[in-house]
Amino acid sequence: MNTFGSLSARLTETFAKLRTKGKLSASDVDGTVREIRRALLEADVALPVVKDFVGRVRERALGDEVNAVLNPAQQVVQIVNDELVGILGGQQRRLMFAKQPPTILMLAGLQGAGKTTLAGKLAKWLKKEGHTPLLVACDLQRPNAVTQLGVVAEQAGAAIYAPEPGNGVGDPVRVARDGVSYAREKHHDFVIIDTAGRLGVDAELMQQAADIRRATNPDEVLFVIDAMIGQDAVATAQAFQTGVDFTGVVLTKLDGDARGGAALSIRGVTGKPILFAATGETLDDFEPFHPDRMASRILDLGDVLTLIEQAQAAFNEEEARKTAEKIANDQFTLDDFLHQMQQLRGQGSIKKMMGMLPGMGKIKQQLEEFDERKILHTEAIIQAMTKAERANPKLLNGSRRLRIAKGSGMTVTDVNMLMKQFEQASKMMRTVARGGVPQVSGMSPVPGMHGGKKKQQAQGKKRGAKKSGNPAKRAAVATAAPVKAQGAGFALNSSAASAAKAPRAEDLAKVQNILRNSGLR
């Protein structure tokens, strides 16, 4: 479950009540606004932010832009989406670079917010962008903080400046100043200063942070805050704004199960932009913060753009093109299937990627029950096969399947289920590669993801045979179908699904607009 899970569910439920309305009355709007207000307060959003938000929603919802349309529910979704984007910051704000390297980034925040791990995530992300970051160990208070930063730096493949052992020994201001000089000498173009935190805000903490800021004159002071601390986030942010005057915010633990009010409150209360979000425990679980994409996730409209970007970063375009040709020509083998899954697993959490697809909130329980270890079991089964068997699955008779099951430590039932999933996935990918829309059956083509009940399967098939009367919805279904297939992990690169060039920015924007404007899908 993501941080906004409960808020997303409440808002989606509220919008669903508007589906049968041909036109919104003032009482309909007031009732909807009350539900939105209650959902935001339960999510620990600060009261001043809630008041401003619901006030703007109500004003726009009572305007002609809603009353004049046939489907007001979709318009209300659009209004709420726009206002969410607004309180999250509007436009994405990128890092400010120094005119003359190095660019100095100072991290500030309470102890336990995840500053040290965040330093490693930021360093690894900068390295992927072609930079040469240097981590400077200025947290000389917390036991073993310097050692921890050294481990994180090694994992990120980044250099570290740590002349003092820490554990209460050393002058953090001098280390910060000398670290910047060392970076210039060694030609590092980024300096990331990891400062000390406290269990609570106090004068000593603020004085030390202010002294380091004056000594290094950083280009960015990033306030690192745990997204799960709720209402305390506002008071903490205001204290750091007064004491250190940070320039941007980084949200950590955004994958937690808290109510997520911190993310929606900080921008509105401090006016400072959210620059990055840490969404997991590994160093790769880190991404720039896009207000529009986060708003789409909260409203269960998905985050197709981030999903495609992750796929394009992980998959080789030439290999993807060859895979697409194999799929279209019925030459896709179990070896290709294995390679696709290994690439997919290399991207990180499959569950998290699937959660970026539109409408996944409706199958939240299935998504929660998704077992990523099944991918490893699938790999073991395929690797237990001979080359001939991988190339031609028709060779797999009963005795061969028994041998494969024993060789992989699995059961014959597991082998049979994998072959059914492979057959279904191959069929689905052939349809997508040839420009069609795949029909979804009861069994999921993703190992570890179970289908719904038989009754739900039958209803799904029945619905799949009909087309929506809403043109925007039909367009969204047609456009999103290849992306959903990619999200399953068997043709994640968009060029693999279409054997064409990578999508242009304007094309991706159209996809998101269609999904967003379709409202309740």
Protein backbone atom coordinates (compact mmCIF):
# COMPACT_ATOMS: atom_id res chain seq x y z
CA MET A 1 0.00 0.00 0.00
CA ASN A 2 1.39 3.43 -0.83
CA THR A 3 1.33 6.46 1.43
CA PHE A 4 -1.79 7.86 -0.23
CA GLY A 5 -3.68 4.56 -0.28
CA SER A 6 -6.43 5.51 2.17
CA LEU A 7 -6.85 9.01 0.74
CA SER A 8 -7.02 7.64 -2.79
CA ALA A 9 -9.68 5.10 -1.80
CA ARG A 10 -11.82 7.73 -0.07
CA LEU A 11 -11.67 10.16 -3.00
CA THR A 12 -12.42 7.45 -5.55
CA GLU A 13 -15.43 6.33 -3.51
CA THR A 14 -16.66 9.92 -3.29
CA PHE A 15 -16.43 10.46 -7.05
CA ALA A 16 -18.20 7.18 -7.74
CA LYS A 17 -21.34 8.58 -6.09
CA LEU A 18 -21.52 11.26 -8.80
CA ARG A 19 -21.68 8.85 -11.75
CA THR A 20 -25.46 8.83 -11.93
CA LYS A 21 -25.77 12.60 -11.78
CA GLY A 22 -26.75 14.29 -15.04
CA LYS A 23 -26.18 17.68 -13.50
CA LEU A 24 -24.77 18.79 -10.16
CA SER A 25 -26.94 20.76 -7.76
CA ALA A 26 -25.55 22.98 -5.03
CA SER A 27 -26.38 20.27 -2.46
CA ASP A 28 -24.50 17.65 -4.55
CA VAL A 29 -21.44 19.90 -4.61
CA ASP A 30 -21.65 20.62 -0.89
CA GLY A 31 -21.93 16.92 -0.10
CA THR A 32 -18.95 16.08 -2.31
CA VAL A 33 -16.87 18.89 -0.83
CA ARG A 34 -17.68 17.67 2.71
CA GLU A 35 -16.47 14.17 1.79
CA ILE A 36 -13.27 15.55 0.26
CA ARG A 37 -12.68 17.70 3.35
CA ARG A 38 -13.15 14.70 5.64
CA ALA A 39 -10.81 12.55 3.53
CA LEU A 40 -8.06 15.20 3.59
CA LEU A 41 -8.33 15.74 7.34
CA GLU A 42 -8.17 11.98 7.97
CA ALA A 43 -5.02 11.94 5.82
CA ASP A 44 -3.43 14.43 8.25
CA VAL A 45 -3.40 17.33 5.81
CA ALA A 46 -2.96 20.64 7.66
CA LEU A 47 -6.26 22.43 8.35
CA PRO A 48 -5.32 25.73 6.58
CA VAL A 49 -4.39 23.76 3.44
CA VAL A 50 -7.66 21.81 3.60
CA LYS A 51 -9.73 24.98 3.93
CA ASP A 52 -8.09 26.63 0.93
CA PHE A 53 -8.33 23.45 -1.14
CA VAL A 54 -12.01 22.67 -0.59
CA GLY A 55 -12.89 26.35 -1.01
CA ARG A 56 -11.36 26.44 -4.48
CA VAL A 57 -12.93 23.10 -5.43
CA ARG A 58 -16.38 24.25 -4.33
CA GLU A 59 -16.10 27.55 -6.19
CA ARG A 60 -15.09 25.87 -9.43
CA ALA A 61 -17.58 23.01 -9.05
CA LEU A 62 -20.47 25.46 -8.79
CA GLY A 63 -19.31 27.31 -11.88
CA ASP A 64 -20.61 26.96 -15.43
CA GLU A 65 -17.71 24.68 -16.38
CA VAL A 66 -19.47 21.83 -14.52
CA ASN A 67 -23.14 22.76 -14.84
CA ALA A 68 -22.93 22.97 -18.63
CA VAL A 69 -21.61 19.45 -19.24
CA LEU A 70 -23.33 16.07 -19.45
CA ASN A 71 -20.91 14.22 -17.19
CA PRO A 72 -20.20 16.37 -14.11
CA ALA A 73 -18.40 13.55 -12.27
CA GLN A 74 -15.55 13.65 -14.75
CA GLN A 75 -15.35 17.41 -14.46
CA VAL A 76 -15.16 17.24 -10.66
CA VAL A 77 -12.31 14.73 -10.94
CA GLN A 78 -10.53 17.15 -13.25
CA ILE A 79 -11.06 20.06 -10.85
CA VAL A 80 -9.77 18.09 -7.86
CA ASN A 81 -6.81 16.91 -9.93
CA ASP A 82 -5.95 20.49 -10.92
CA GLU A 83 -6.16 21.69 -7.33
CA LEU A 84 -4.05 18.77 -6.07
CA VAL A 85 -1.38 19.67 -8.62
CA GLY A 86 -1.54 23.23 -7.31
CA ILE A 87 -1.00 22.42 -3.63
CA LEU A 88 1.78 19.97 -4.58
CA GLY A 89 3.65 22.76 -6.32
CA GLY A 90 2.25 23.12 -9.83
CA GLN A 91 5.29 22.76 -12.07
CA GLN A 92 8.21 20.46 -11.33
CA ARG A 93 11.17 22.32 -9.84
CA ARG A 94 14.62 21.02 -10.77
CA LEU A 95 17.88 21.34 -8.85
CA MET A 96 19.63 24.71 -9.06
CA PHE A 97 23.15 24.27 -10.45
CA ALA A 98 26.12 26.43 -9.43
CA LYS A 99 27.55 28.73 -12.09
CA GLN A 100 30.97 27.34 -11.24
CA PRO A 101 31.23 23.71 -10.02
CA PRO A 102 30.84 22.17 -7.58
CA THR A 103 27.12 22.48 -6.91
CA ILE A 104 26.69 22.20 -3.13
CA LEU A 105 23.68 20.36 -1.69
CA MET A 106 23.16 20.47 2.07
CA LEU A 107 20.78 17.97 3.70
CA ALA A 108 18.92 18.98 6.86
CA GLY A 109 16.24 17.27 8.94
CA LEU A 110 15.44 15.36 12.11
CA GLN A 111 17.18 12.14 13.12
CA GLY A 112 15.38 9.16 11.65
CA ALA A 113 14.11 11.02 8.57
CA GLY A 114 16.55 9.04 6.41
CA LYS A 115 19.12 11.72 5.51
CA THR A 116 22.11 9.39 5.29
CA THR A 117 20.38 6.86 3.06
CA LEU A 118 18.93 9.73 1.05
CA ALA A 119 22.46 11.06 0.50
CA GLY A 120 23.37 7.75 -1.14
CA LYS A 121 20.20 7.72 -3.26
CA LEU A 122 20.84 11.26 -4.43
CA ALA A 123 24.49 10.44 -5.21
CA LYS A 124 23.51 7.39 -7.26
CA TRP A 125 20.87 9.36 -9.16
CA LEU A 126 23.42 12.11 -9.93
CA LYS A 127 25.92 9.52 -11.18
CA LYS A 128 23.29 8.16 -13.58
CA GLU A 129 22.84 11.72 -14.83
CA GLY A 130 26.57 11.88 -15.63
CA HIS A 131 27.81 13.79 -12.56
CA THR A 132 30.62 13.07 -10.09
CA PRO A 133 29.19 13.60 -6.60
CA LEU A 134 31.19 13.70 -3.36
CA LEU A 135 29.54 12.78 -0.05
CA VAL A 136 30.77 14.78 2.96
CA ALA A 137 30.27 13.22 6.41
CA CYS A 138 29.22 16.05 8.75
CA ASP A 139 26.98 14.00 11.03
CA LEU A 140 29.54 13.56 13.78
CA GLN A 141 26.98 13.14 16.57
CA ARG A 142 24.96 9.99 15.86
CA PRO A 143 26.80 6.73 16.66
CA ASN A 144 28.30 5.11 13.54
CA ALA A 145 26.79 7.75 11.23
CA VAL A 146 30.12 8.22 9.43
CA THR A 147 30.48 4.45 8.98
CA GLN A 148 26.95 4.22 7.63
CA LEU A 149 27.60 6.99 5.11
CA GLY A 150 30.72 5.13 3.99
CA VAL A 151 28.69 1.98 3.33
CA VAL A 152 26.04 3.96 1.46
CA ALA A 153 28.70 5.75 -0.62
CA GLU A 154 30.24 2.42 -1.60
CA GLN A 155 26.84 1.05 -2.64
CA ALA A 156 26.19 4.18 -4.72
CA GLY A 157 29.64 4.07 -6.30
CA ALA A 158 30.34 7.61 -5.06
CA ALA A 159 33.38 9.20 -3.40
CA ILE A 160 33.27 10.21 0.26
CA TYR A 161 35.14 12.78 2.37
CA ALA A 162 35.20 11.65 6.01
CA PRO A 163 38.31 12.87 7.87
CA GLU A 164 36.72 12.53 11.31
CA PRO A 165 35.55 9.28 12.97
CA GLY A 166 32.38 10.82 14.36
CA ASN A 167 30.68 9.39 17.46
CA GLY A 168 30.97 12.83 19.06
CA VAL A 169 34.49 13.56 17.74
CA GLY A 170 35.25 16.34 15.23
CA ASP A 171 34.03 19.76 14.11
CA PRO A 172 31.25 19.39 11.51
CA VAL A 173 31.56 22.98 10.28
CA ARG A 174 35.26 22.57 9.52
CA VAL A 175 34.62 19.19 7.83
CA ALA A 176 31.96 20.78 5.61
CA ARG A 177 34.22 23.67 4.60
CA ASP A 178 37.20 21.38 3.93
CA GLY A 179 34.96 18.96 2.04
CA VAL A 180 33.98 21.65 -0.46
CA SER A 181 37.66 22.53 -0.97
CA TYR A 182 38.47 18.85 -1.46
CA ALA A 183 35.72 18.56 -4.08
CA ARG A 184 37.17 21.48 -6.06
CA GLU A 185 40.66 19.97 -5.84
CA LYS A 186 39.46 16.55 -7.06
CA HIS A 187 37.08 18.03 -9.68
CA HIS A 188 33.81 16.73 -8.26
CA ASP A 189 30.91 18.68 -9.73
CA PHE A 190 28.48 17.96 -6.83
CA VAL A 191 28.94 18.02 -3.07
CA ILE A 192 26.31 16.39 -0.81
CA ILE A 193 26.69 17.40 2.84
CA ASP A 194 25.10 14.97 5.32
CA THR A 195 24.40 16.89 8.53
CA ALA A 196 23.43 15.76 12.02
CA GLY A 197 19.84 15.49 13.19
CA ARG A 198 18.08 15.33 16.51
CA LEU A 199 15.09 13.45 17.84
CA GLY A 200 13.36 16.83 18.07
CA VAL A 201 13.92 20.42 17.07
CA ASP A 202 16.36 22.20 19.41
CA ALA A 203 18.59 25.29 19.42
CA GLU A 204 21.86 23.33 19.13
CA LEU A 205 20.66 21.50 16.02
CA MET A 206 19.57 24.69 14.30
CA GLN A 207 22.75 26.55 15.23
CA GLN A 208 24.98 23.82 13.81
CA ALA A 209 22.95 23.64 10.58
CA ALA A 210 23.02 27.44 10.25
CA ASP A 211 26.81 27.49 10.81
CA ILE A 212 27.37 24.84 8.11
CA ARG A 213 25.20 26.83 5.73
CA ARG A 214 27.19 30.02 6.31
CA ALA A 215 30.50 28.16 5.95
CA THR A 216 29.66 26.44 2.65
CA ASN A 217 27.08 28.77 1.01
CA PRO A 218 25.16 25.82 -0.54
CA ASP A 219 23.22 26.16 -3.80
CA GLU A 220 20.40 24.05 -2.35
CA VAL A 221 19.43 23.30 1.26
CA LEU A 222 17.19 20.24 1.10
CA PHE A 223 14.87 19.61 4.02
CA VAL A 224 14.52 15.82 4.35
CA ILE A 225 11.29 14.75 6.04
CA ASP A 226 9.61 11.44 6.76
CA ALA A 227 6.31 11.40 4.85
CA MET A 228 4.72 9.29 7.59
CA ILE A 229 4.99 11.71 10.54
CA GLY A 230 1.61 13.31 9.88
CA GLN A 231 0.67 16.64 11.49
CA ASP A 232 4.12 17.01 13.09
CA ALA A 233 5.49 17.60 9.59
CA VAL A 234 4.07 21.11 9.49
CA ALA A 235 5.59 22.26 12.80
CA THR A 236 8.94 20.64 11.97
CA ALA A 237 9.03 22.22 8.50
CA GLN A 238 8.22 25.66 9.90
CA ALA A 239 10.99 25.32 12.51
CA PHE A 240 13.59 24.37 9.89
CA GLN A 241 12.37 27.12 7.58
CA THR A 242 12.99 29.67 10.32
CA GLY A 243 16.28 28.18 11.53
CA VAL A 244 17.94 27.12 8.27
CA ASP A 245 15.75 28.58 5.50
CA PHE A 246 15.76 25.51 3.25
CA THR A 247 15.20 25.87 -0.50
CA GLY A 248 13.50 22.55 -1.27
CA VAL A 249 11.95 19.45 0.27
CA VAL A 250 12.71 15.74 -0.12
CA LEU A 251 10.06 13.27 1.04
CA THR A 252 11.30 9.91 2.34
CA LYS A 253 9.38 6.71 3.10
CA LEU A 254 6.71 7.61 0.57
CA ASP A 255 6.04 3.88 0.22
CA GLY A 256 4.84 3.60 3.82
CA ASP A 257 1.31 2.98 5.03
CA ALA A 258 0.73 6.33 6.74
CA ARG A 259 -1.90 8.78 5.58
CA GLY A 260 0.40 11.03 3.57
CA GLY A 261 -0.71 14.44 4.79
CA ALA A 262 2.88 15.69 5.00
CA ALA A 263 3.29 15.78 1.23
CA LEU A 264 0.08 17.73 0.78
CA SER A 265 0.80 20.16 3.64
CA ILE A 266 4.45 21.18 3.35
CA ARG A 267 4.21 23.01 0.05
CA GLY A 268 1.08 24.87 1.11
CA VAL A 269 2.47 25.86 4.52
CA THR A 270 6.09 26.74 3.63
CA GLY A 271 5.82 27.64 -0.05
CA LYS A 272 8.94 25.54 -0.71
CA PRO A 273 8.90 23.05 -3.62
CA ILE A 274 9.16 19.29 -3.25
CA LEU A 275 12.14 18.25 -5.39
CA PHE A 276 12.53 14.52 -4.81
CA ALA A 277 10.73 11.53 -3.32
CA ALA A 278 12.24 8.34 -1.88
CA THR A 279 9.82 5.49 -2.51
CA GLY A 280 11.54 2.43 -1.04
CA GLU A 281 14.51 1.03 0.84
CA THR A 282 17.02 0.46 -1.99
CA LEU A 283 19.20 3.21 -3.44
CA ASP A 284 17.28 3.01 -6.73
CA ASP A 285 13.97 3.84 -5.03
CA PHE A 286 14.36 7.54 -5.68
CA GLU A 287 12.80 9.85 -8.24
CA PRO A 288 12.29 13.53 -9.05
CA PHE A 289 8.96 14.81 -7.75
CA HIS A 290 6.34 15.65 -10.39
CA PRO A 291 3.25 17.33 -8.85
CA ASP A 292 0.99 16.37 -11.77
CA ARG A 293 2.05 12.72 -11.68
CA MET A 294 1.64 12.48 -7.90
CA ALA A 295 -1.85 13.99 -8.17
CA SER A 296 -2.73 11.32 -10.76
CA ARG A 297 -1.53 8.58 -8.41
CA ILE A 298 -3.64 9.96 -5.56
CA LEU A 299 -6.75 9.95 -7.78
CA ASP A 300 -5.98 6.42 -9.04
CA LEU A 301 -5.47 7.73 -12.57
CA GLY A 302 -2.06 6.06 -12.71
CA ASP A 303 1.37 7.41 -13.53
CA VAL A 304 1.95 6.22 -17.06
CA LEU A 305 4.74 8.69 -17.82
CA THR A 306 6.95 7.56 -14.92
CA LEU A 307 6.28 3.92 -15.81
CA ILE A 308 7.37 4.47 -19.41
CA GLU A 309 10.45 6.44 -18.32
CA GLN A 310 11.53 3.62 -16.02
CA ALA A 311 11.01 1.09 -18.79
CA GLN A 312 13.02 3.11 -21.29
CA ALA A 313 15.85 3.51 -18.79
CA ALA A 314 16.07 -0.24 -18.15
CA PHE A 315 15.53 -1.71 -21.62
CA ASN A 316 17.83 -1.59 -24.60
CA GLU A 317 15.96 -0.18 -27.58
CA GLU A 318 17.67 -2.42 -30.16
CA GLU A 319 16.95 -5.54 -28.10
CA ALA A 320 13.37 -4.38 -27.64
CA ARG A 321 12.95 -3.94 -31.38
CA LYS A 322 14.20 -7.47 -32.01
CA THR A 323 11.86 -8.81 -29.32
CA ALA A 324 8.94 -7.01 -30.96
CA GLU A 325 9.76 -8.65 -34.29
CA LYS A 326 9.88 -12.08 -32.63
CA ILE A 327 6.52 -11.45 -30.98
CA ALA A 328 4.88 -10.34 -34.21
CA ASN A 329 6.30 -13.35 -36.10
CA ASP A 330 5.39 -15.98 -33.49
CA GLN A 331 9.06 -16.57 -32.66
CA PHE A 332 8.95 -15.51 -29.01
CA THR A 333 10.52 -18.27 -26.89
CA LEU A 334 10.87 -19.11 -23.21
CA ASP A 335 14.43 -17.77 -23.37
CA ASP A 336 13.04 -14.39 -24.45
CA PHE A 337 10.39 -14.69 -21.76
CA LEU A 338 13.11 -15.30 -19.15
CA HIS A 339 15.20 -12.38 -20.41
CA GLN A 340 12.20 -10.03 -20.23
CA MET A 341 11.46 -11.02 -16.63
CA GLN A 342 15.09 -10.59 -15.60
CA GLN A 343 15.12 -7.11 -17.09
CA LEU A 344 11.83 -6.35 -15.36
CA ARG A 345 13.16 -7.55 -12.00
CA GLY A 346 16.25 -5.40 -12.49
CA GLN A 347 14.09 -2.27 -12.46
CA GLY A 348 13.08 -2.74 -8.82
CA SER A 349 9.71 -3.46 -7.29
CA ILE A 350 7.31 -4.94 -9.83
CA LYS A 351 4.42 -4.32 -7.44
CA LYS A 352 5.28 -0.62 -7.31
CA MET A 353 5.41 -0.37 -11.10
CA MET A 354 2.08 -2.12 -11.48
CA GLY A 355 0.64 0.32 -8.96
CA MET A 356 1.37 3.13 -11.44
CA LEU A 357 -1.21 1.78 -13.88
CA PRO A 358 -4.59 3.52 -14.01
CA GLY A 359 -7.35 1.94 -11.93
CA MET A 360 -5.08 -0.32 -9.88
CA GLY A 361 -6.79 0.92 -6.73
CA LYS A 362 -9.77 -1.22 -7.72
CA ILE A 363 -7.72 -4.41 -7.35
CA LYS A 364 -5.71 -3.24 -4.35
CA GLN A 365 -6.06 -6.57 -2.54
CA GLN A 366 -4.73 -8.56 -5.49
CA LEU A 367 -1.87 -6.08 -5.82
CA GLU A 368 -1.03 -6.42 -2.12
CA GLU A 369 -1.04 -10.21 -2.42
CA PHE A 370 1.29 -10.11 -5.43
CA ASP A 371 4.33 -12.23 -4.52
CA GLU A 372 7.46 -11.02 -6.30
CA ARG A 373 9.28 -14.22 -5.27
CA LYS A 374 7.20 -16.03 -7.89
CA ILE A 375 9.37 -14.35 -10.51
CA LEU A 376 12.40 -16.16 -9.07
CA HIS A 377 10.48 -19.45 -9.09
CA THR A 378 9.59 -18.87 -12.75
CA GLU A 379 13.23 -18.23 -13.60
CA ALA A 380 14.24 -21.46 -11.85
CA ILE A 381 11.72 -23.49 -13.86
CA ILE A 382 12.85 -22.07 -17.21
CA GLN A 383 16.53 -22.49 -16.34
CA ALA A 384 15.86 -26.17 -15.56
CA MET A 385 14.80 -26.72 -19.19
CA THR A 386 17.08 -27.68 -22.07
CA LYS A 387 17.72 -25.24 -24.92
CA ALA A 388 15.51 -27.29 -27.20
CA GLU A 389 12.64 -27.20 -24.69
CA ARG A 390 12.93 -23.44 -24.27
CA ALA A 391 12.85 -22.95 -28.02
CA ASN A 392 9.93 -25.35 -28.55
CA PRO A 393 7.59 -25.70 -25.53
CA LYS A 394 5.56 -28.32 -27.43
CA LEU A 395 8.29 -30.81 -26.50
CA LEU A 396 7.24 -30.60 -22.85
CA ASN A 397 5.41 -33.87 -22.28
CA GLY A 398 4.58 -35.30 -18.88
CA SER A 399 7.96 -36.89 -18.14
CA ARG A 400 9.87 -33.78 -19.17
CA ARG A 401 7.69 -31.59 -16.96
CA LEU A 402 8.31 -33.91 -14.02
CA ARG A 403 12.08 -33.69 -14.61
CA ILE A 404 11.92 -29.87 -14.82
CA ALA A 405 9.86 -29.69 -11.62
CA LYS A 406 12.41 -31.78 -9.71
CA GLY A 407 15.33 -29.85 -11.18
CA SER A 408 13.89 -26.48 -10.17
CA GLY A 409 12.58 -27.52 -6.77
CA MET A 410 9.01 -26.80 -7.84
CA THR A 411 5.98 -28.98 -8.58
CA VAL A 412 4.52 -30.20 -11.87
CA THR A 413 1.51 -27.97 -11.15
CA ASP A 414 3.86 -24.97 -11.02
CA VAL A 415 5.36 -25.95 -14.37
CA ASN A 416 1.92 -26.38 -15.94
CA MET A 417 0.79 -23.00 -14.61
CA LEU A 418 3.90 -21.31 -16.01
CA MET A 419 3.26 -22.76 -19.46
CA LYS A 420 -0.31 -21.46 -19.38
CA GLN A 421 0.94 -18.03 -18.35
CA PHE A 422 3.57 -18.07 -21.09
CA GLU A 423 0.98 -19.00 -23.69
CA GLN A 424 -1.38 -16.26 -22.52
CA ALA A 425 1.39 -13.65 -22.35
CA SER A 426 2.62 -14.56 -25.84
CA LYS A 427 -0.89 -14.25 -27.23
CA MET A 428 -1.42 -10.93 -25.50
CA MET A 429 1.86 -9.51 -26.79
CA ARG A 430 1.15 -10.64 -30.35
CA THR A 431 -2.14 -8.77 -30.23
CA VAL A 432 -0.50 -5.62 -28.88
CA ALA A 433 2.42 -5.79 -31.31
CA ARG A 434 -0.02 -5.96 -34.22
CA GLY A 435 -1.93 -2.93 -33.00
CA GLY A 436 -4.85 -4.67 -31.31
CA VAL A 437 -6.31 -4.52 -27.81
CA PRO A 438 -5.67 -7.68 -25.75
CA GLN A 439 -8.57 -9.52 -24.13
CA VAL A 440 -7.88 -10.14 -20.44
CA SER A 441 -8.73 -13.61 -19.16
CA GLY A 442 -9.14 -14.85 -15.61
CA MET A 443 -5.52 -15.92 -15.12
CA SER A 444 -2.98 -13.16 -14.79
CA PRO A 445 0.00 -13.45 -17.19
CA VAL A 446 2.21 -12.18 -14.37
CA PRO A 447 3.65 -14.90 -12.11
CA GLY A 448 2.49 -14.27 -8.54
CA MET A 449 -0.55 -12.19 -9.54
CA HIS A 450 -3.81 -14.07 -9.12
CA GLY A 451 -6.97 -13.46 -11.08
CA GLY A 452 -10.32 -12.60 -9.50
CA LYS A 453 -13.24 -14.86 -8.74
CA LYS A 454 -15.03 -16.70 -11.51
CA LYS A 455 -18.01 -14.38 -11.32
CA GLN A 456 -15.76 -11.36 -11.65
CA GLN A 457 -13.99 -13.00 -14.58
CA ALA A 458 -17.28 -13.58 -16.36
CA GLN A 459 -18.35 -10.00 -15.75
CA GLY A 460 -14.99 -8.75 -16.99
CA LYS A 461 -15.32 -10.72 -20.22
CA LYS A 462 -18.84 -9.46 -20.74
CA ARG A 463 -17.73 -5.87 -20.23
CA GLY A 464 -14.77 -6.39 -22.54
CA ALA A 465 -17.09 -7.18 -25.43
CA LYS A 466 -18.79 -3.76 -25.22
CA LYS A 467 -17.40 -0.36 -26.11
CA SER A 468 -17.95 2.72 -24.00
CA GLY A 469 -20.23 5.44 -25.31
CA ASN A 470 -17.79 8.03 -24.02
CA PRO A 471 -15.29 8.95 -26.80
CA ALA A 472 -12.63 10.04 -24.30
CA LYS A 473 -12.96 6.76 -22.44
CA ARG A 474 -12.72 4.71 -25.67
CA ALA A 475 -9.58 6.63 -26.60
CA ALA A 476 -8.12 6.08 -23.16
CA VAL A 477 -8.77 2.32 -23.31
CA ALA A 478 -7.23 2.04 -26.77
CA THR A 479 -4.19 4.10 -25.77
CA ALA A 480 -3.65 2.55 -22.36
CA ALA A 481 -3.96 -1.08 -23.49
CA PRO A 482 -0.36 -1.40 -24.75
CA VAL A 483 0.86 0.35 -21.63
CA LYS A 484 -1.04 -2.13 -19.43
CA ALA A 485 0.52 -4.96 -21.35
CA GLN A 486 3.91 -3.39 -20.84
CA GLY A 487 3.21 -2.92 -17.16
CA ALA A 488 2.73 -6.67 -16.89
CA GLY A 489 6.40 -6.91 -17.74
CA PHE A 490 6.54 -8.74 -21.06
CA ALA A 491 7.14 -5.81 -23.42
CA LEU A 492 7.86 -2.98 -21.06
CA ASN A 493 9.69 -0.82 -23.55
CA SER A 494 7.25 1.14 -25.65
CA SER A 495 9.31 0.50 -28.75
CA ALA A 496 9.07 -3.23 -28.07
CA ALA A 497 5.31 -3.06 -28.10
CA SER A 498 5.06 -1.05 -31.29
CA ALA A 499 8.42 -1.62 -33.04
CA ALA A 500 8.54 2.13 -33.45
CA LYS A 501 10.56 5.04 -32.08
CA ALA A 502 10.33 6.01 -28.42
CA PRO A 503 7.24 8.14 -27.79
CA ARG A 504 7.63 11.89 -28.03
CA ALA A 505 6.99 14.10 -25.01
CA GLU A 506 3.86 15.53 -26.58
CA ASP A 507 2.54 12.01 -27.25
CA LEU A 508 3.09 11.04 -23.63
CA ALA A 509 1.30 14.19 -22.53
CA LYS A 510 -1.67 13.23 -24.71
CA VAL A 511 -1.78 9.79 -23.07
CA GLN A 512 -1.91 11.32 -19.62
CA ASN A 513 -4.50 13.92 -20.61
CA ILE A 514 -6.76 11.26 -22.11
CA LEU A 515 -6.48 9.13 -18.97
CA ARG A 516 -7.05 12.12 -16.73
CA ASN A 517 -9.99 13.52 -18.68
CA SER A 518 -11.68 10.14 -18.78
CA GLY A 519 -12.38 10.80 -15.10
CA LEU A 520 -13.76 7.62 -13.63
CA ARG A 521 -12.39 5.49 -16.45
